[in-house]
Structures are given as structure tokens and as C-alpha cells.
């Protein structure tokens, strides 16, 4: 009886493991590469910010609110060295 329960637990773990990896996999942390701000504006109208406070600063400065969610932060991290020229925490503000 105990062996049957152990087999069932192992089988359940093998089925559930890919689901857990799929939810929080390493691909979620990688942002899309954009060659320039025009391309980035196709997906993010007002740019991307590395934090909510950087996004709020852009609003105070008269720009639209850039995206700053998890995916937008990943896009910022991937593209900031080229597209955040003034180093204010927002890439391609508009």
C-alpha cells in the first residue's frame, strides 16, 4: 500500500513540475530587444520605466506615463544602455 502511494506522489510531481517552471521560468525575465525608440513605441506608447517612481517623474516632467510593470522593467533592462540616453530611468519617454 505504501509503495502505491509513493508511486502516485512521484507521478504527480513529474506532471506538476513543468507547470511550475512554466509559471516562473527564466524567459519571463528577458525583455524584447528594440533597435530604436520608434520600434519600442509600437508596443509601449510612452516608453518603459525601470520603476514606478521613474514613471511618476516622467509624468511630473510633462510626458505620458510609461509602462513599468514586470515585462516593461525587463524591456527596460534589455534596452536601457542604448535607449535611455539621459539616464533618468525611462527609455524612450514620449
Protein backbone atom coordinates (compact mmCIF):
# COMPACT_ATOMS: atom_id res chain seq x y z
CA UNK A 1 0.00 0.00 0.00
CA UNK A 2 2.76 2.45 0.89
CA UNK A 3 4.57 1.78 -2.38
CA UNK A 4 1.44 2.61 -4.40
CA UNK A 5 1.13 5.97 -2.59
CA UNK A 6 4.81 6.73 -3.25
CA UNK A 7 4.39 5.97 -6.96
CA UNK A 8 1.33 8.22 -7.12
CA UNK A 9 3.22 11.07 -5.44
CA UNK A 10 6.17 10.75 -7.82
CA UNK A 11 3.85 10.68 -10.82
CA UNK A 12 2.04 13.78 -9.59
CA UNK A 13 5.33 15.59 -9.04
CA UNK A 14 6.52 14.76 -12.55
CA UNK A 15 3.30 16.07 -14.07
CA UNK A 16 3.23 19.25 -11.95
CA UNK A 17 6.93 20.18 -12.31
CA UNK A 18 6.66 21.58 -15.87
CA UNK A 19 3.67 23.68 -14.81
CA UNK A 20 5.63 25.34 -12.01
CA UNK A 21 8.59 26.00 -14.30
CA UNK A 22 6.23 27.42 -16.93
CA UNK A 23 4.81 29.94 -14.49
CA UNK A 24 8.11 31.38 -13.29
CA UNK A 25 10.59 30.37 -15.96
CA UNK A 26 13.76 32.28 -16.80
CA UNK A 27 12.28 33.53 -20.10
CA UNK A 28 9.96 35.86 -18.16
CA UNK A 29 12.93 37.94 -17.01
CA UNK A 30 14.21 38.61 -20.53
CA UNK A 31 12.86 41.68 -22.28
CA UNK A 32 12.36 42.09 -26.00
CA UNK A 33 15.16 43.81 -27.90
CA UNK A 34 14.22 47.01 -29.74
CA UNK A 35 16.66 48.57 -32.23
CA UNK A 36 15.34 52.12 -31.67
CA UNK A 37 12.64 54.17 -29.93
CA UNK A 38 10.31 54.11 -32.93
CA UNK A 39 10.16 50.32 -32.69
CA UNK A 40 9.66 50.44 -28.91
CA UNK A 41 6.83 52.96 -29.28
CA UNK A 42 4.93 50.45 -31.42
CA UNK A 43 4.45 48.34 -28.26
CA UNK A 44 4.87 50.94 -25.49
CA UNK A 45 3.38 54.30 -26.49
CA UNK A 46 5.08 56.33 -23.76
CA UNK A 47 8.23 54.24 -23.28
CA UNK A 48 9.25 51.95 -20.45
CA UNK A 49 10.47 52.80 -16.96
CA UNK A 50 12.61 50.84 -14.53
CA UNK A 51 10.33 51.68 -11.58
CA UNK A 52 7.05 53.32 -10.59
CA UNK A 53 8.94 56.33 -9.23
CA UNK A 54 10.76 56.82 -12.55
CA UNK A 55 7.39 56.65 -14.34
CA UNK A 56 5.92 59.21 -11.93
CA UNK A 57 8.85 61.55 -12.59
CA UNK A 58 8.10 61.45 -16.31
CA UNK A 59 4.51 62.46 -15.62
CA UNK A 60 5.70 65.35 -13.42
CA UNK A 61 8.01 66.42 -16.27
CA UNK A 62 5.07 66.59 -18.70
CA UNK A 63 5.40 63.27 -20.54
CA UNK A 64 2.84 60.47 -20.73
CA UNK A 65 3.04 57.67 -18.15
CA UNK A 66 5.47 54.99 -19.34
CA UNK A 67 4.86 51.32 -18.68
CA UNK A 68 6.59 49.98 -15.56
CA UNK A 69 5.17 46.51 -14.93
CA UNK A 70 7.24 43.34 -14.75
CA UNK A 71 7.50 42.91 -18.53
CA UNK A 72 8.22 46.63 -19.08
CA UNK A 73 11.04 46.50 -16.50
CA UNK A 74 12.54 43.56 -18.37
CA UNK A 75 12.33 45.51 -21.64
CA UNK A 76 13.97 48.50 -19.91
CA UNK A 77 16.80 46.32 -18.60
CA UNK A 78 17.45 44.87 -22.06
CA UNK A 79 17.40 48.22 -23.90
CA UNK A 80 18.37 50.90 -21.37
CA UNK A 81 22.04 51.14 -22.31
CA UNK A 82 21.08 52.30 -25.82
CA UNK A 83 17.65 53.88 -25.43
CA UNK A 84 17.82 55.72 -22.08
CA UNK A 85 20.25 58.37 -23.22
CA UNK A 86 19.66 60.81 -20.37
CA UNK A 87 19.89 58.02 -17.74
CA UNK A 88 16.71 59.10 -15.95
CA UNK A 89 15.25 55.61 -15.55
CA UNK A 90 12.90 55.80 -18.54
CA UNK A 91 13.73 54.62 -22.04
CA UNK A 92 12.06 56.37 -25.00
CA UNK A 93 9.85 58.71 -22.98
CA UNK A 94 7.20 60.40 -25.09
